[in-house]
C-alpha atoms as a PDB file:
ATOM      1  CA  MET A   1     161.796  23.811  77.662  1.00  0.00           C
ATOM      2  CA  SER A   2     163.921  26.310  77.137  1.00  0.00           C
ATOM      3  CA  LEU A   3     164.905  28.134  74.194  1.00  0.00           C
ATOM      4  CA  ILE A   4     168.005  28.622  75.814  1.00  0.00           C
ATOM      5  CA  GLU A   5     168.442  24.065  75.524  1.00  0.00           C
ATOM      6  CA  TRP A   6     166.801  24.513  72.437  1.00  0.00           C
ATOM      7  CA  VAL A   7     170.051  26.732  71.259  1.00  0.00           C
ATOM      8  CA  ALA A   8     172.237  24.077  73.600  1.00  0.00           C
ATOM      9  CA  ALA A   9     171.464  20.881  72.307  1.00  0.00           C
ATOM     10  CA  GLY A  10     171.558  22.380  68.707  1.00  0.00           C
ATOM     11  CA  LEU A  11     175.350  23.580  68.739  1.00  0.00           C
ATOM     12  CA  SER A  12     175.811  20.470  70.726  1.00  0.00           C
ATOM     13  CA  LEU A  13     174.666  18.619  67.875  1.00  0.00           C
ATOM     14  CA  VAL A  14     176.710  21.042  65.510  1.00  0.00           C
ATOM     15  CA  ALA A  15     179.607  20.683  67.233  1.00  0.00           C
ATOM     16  CA  VAL A  16     179.011  16.632  67.242  1.00  0.00           C
ATOM     17  CA  LEU A  17     179.117  16.454  63.601  1.00  0.00           C
ATOM     18  CA  ALA A  18     181.148  18.925  63.472  1.00  0.00           C
ATOM     19  CA  ALA A  19     184.098  16.845  65.338  1.00  0.00           C
ATOM     20  CA  VAL A  20     182.560  13.486  62.545  1.00  0.00           C
ATOM     21  CA  TYR A  21     183.812  15.794  59.511  1.00  0.00           C
ATOM     22  CA  ARG A  22     187.404  16.597  61.655  1.00  0.00           C
ATOM     23  CA  SER A  23     186.004  21.011  60.914  1.00  0.00           C
ATOM     24  CA  ILE A  24     188.330  22.757  63.823  1.00  0.00           C
ATOM     25  CA  THR A  25     184.364  24.066  64.160  1.00  0.00           C
ATOM     26  CA  THR A  26     183.646  22.079  66.586  1.00  0.00           C
ATOM     27  CA  PHE A  27     185.508  23.456  69.209  1.00  0.00           C
ATOM     28  CA  ALA A  28     184.173  26.824  68.930  1.00  0.00           C
ATOM     29  CA  VAL A  29     180.526  25.256  68.648  1.00  0.00           C
ATOM     30  CA  GLY A  30     181.064  23.168  71.980  1.00  0.00           C
ATOM     31  CA  ILE A  31     181.860  26.121  73.793  1.00  0.00           C
ATOM     32  CA  VAL A  32     179.403  28.130  72.970  1.00  0.00           C
ATOM     33  CA  GLY A  33     176.923  24.802  74.424  1.00  0.00           C
ATOM     34  CA  ALA A  34     178.194  24.472  76.812  1.00  0.00           C
ATOM     35  CA  GLY A  35     178.267  27.479  77.858  1.00  0.00           C
ATOM     36  CA  ALA A  36     174.614  27.543  77.435  1.00  0.00           C
ATOM     37  CA  TYR A  37     174.376  24.334  79.455  1.00  0.00           C
ATOM     38  CA  CYS A  38     176.081  25.780  81.966  1.00  0.00           C
ATOM     39  CA  TRP A  39     173.337  29.008  82.509  1.00  0.00           C
ATOM     40  CA  VAL A  40     170.658  26.364  81.761  1.00  0.00           C
ATOM     41  CA  PHE A  41     172.187  24.478  85.107  1.00  0.00           C
ATOM     42  CA  PHE A  42     173.110  27.354  86.753  1.00  0.00           C
ATOM     43  CA  ASP A  43     169.483  29.263  86.103  1.00  0.00           C
ATOM     44  CA  ALA A  44     168.173  26.477  87.421  1.00  0.00           C
ATOM     45  CA  SER A  45     170.851  25.559  90.644  1.00  0.00           C
ATOM     46  CA  LEU A  46     171.756  22.627  89.441  1.00  0.00           C
ATOM     47  CA  TYR A  47     175.526  23.958  90.315  1.00  0.00           C
ATOM     48  CA  ALA A  48     177.503  21.401  89.488  1.00  0.00           C
ATOM     49  CA  SER A  49     175.947  20.921  86.632  1.00  0.00           C
ATOM     50  CA  ALA A  50     176.654  24.122  85.774  1.00  0.00           C
ATOM     51  CA  GLY A  51     180.233  23.478  87.070  1.00  0.00           C
ATOM     52  CA  LEU A  52     180.932  20.266  84.885  1.00  0.00           C
ATOM     53  CA  GLN A  53     179.616  22.181  81.731  1.00  0.00           C
ATOM     54  CA  LEU A  54     183.170  25.416  82.164  1.00  0.00           C
ATOM     55  CA  PHE A  55     185.208  22.108  82.732  1.00  0.00           C
ATOM     56  CA  PHE A  56     183.499  21.475  79.070  1.00  0.00           C
ATOM     57  CA  ILE A  57     184.458  24.458  77.835  1.00  0.00           C
ATOM     58  CA  ALA A  58     188.021  24.367  79.400  1.00  0.00           C
ATOM     59  CA  VAL A  59     188.268  20.374  77.632  1.00  0.00           C
ATOM     60  CA  GLN A  60     187.238  22.217  73.948  1.00  0.00           C
ATOM     61  CA  ILE A  61     190.092  25.372  74.807  1.00  0.00           C
ATOM     62  CA  GLU A  62     192.253  22.279  75.380  1.00  0.00           C
ATOM     63  CA  GLY A  63     191.080  20.614  72.194  1.00  0.00           C
ATOM     64  CA  TRP A  64     191.588  23.907  70.435  1.00  0.00           C
ATOM     65  CA  ARG A  65     194.713  24.569  71.312  1.00  0.00           C
ATOM     66  CA  HIS A  66     196.254  20.879  70.547  1.00  0.00           C
ATOM     67  CA  TRP A  67     194.935  20.857  67.435  1.00  0.00           C
ATOM     68  CA  HIS A  68     196.380  23.946  66.176  1.00  0.00           C
ATOM     69  CA  ALA A  69     199.510  23.404  66.743  1.00  0.00           C
ATOM     70  CA  HIS A  70     199.400  19.089  65.658  1.00  0.00           C
ATOM     71  CA  ARG A  71     197.661  20.261  62.261  1.00  0.00           C
ATOM     72  CA  GLU A  72     199.318  19.390  58.519  1.00  0.00           C
ATOM     73  CA  ALA A  73     200.714  21.862  56.496  1.00  0.00           C
ATOM     74  CA  ALA A  74     197.573  20.743  54.351  1.00  0.00           C
ATOM     75  CA  GLY A  75     194.717  21.828  57.427  1.00  0.00           C
ATOM     76  CA  GLU A  76     194.246  18.635  58.174  1.00  0.00           C
ATOM     77  CA  ILE A  77     195.006  16.525  61.789  1.00  0.00           C
ATOM     78  CA  GLU A  78     195.069  13.066  61.608  1.00  0.00           C
ATOM     79  CA  PRO A  79     194.168  11.205  64.321  1.00  0.00           C
ATOM     80  CA  ARG A  80     195.583   8.580  65.993  1.00  0.00           C
ATOM     81  CA  ARG A  81     195.431   6.548  69.315  1.00  0.00           C
ATOM     82  CA  LEU A  82     196.762   6.997  72.632  1.00  0.00           C
END
């Protein structure tokens, strides 16, 4: 495993932990982690997997936008069922 793969895995773990604690930093860290994985996959000529990471980045951006639009005055968001 290369250094960038370790960094991507670590960032992904931090993003999951931030989501557990309902921290908005989950999106920024998730975007950087998915970007690192995109680089790893593109460098390995795994273009479909690299493209999937671009989708994950887009979903993270949409989640971040949604979080900002629906947070309460205290800065927290209340999870609910779809």
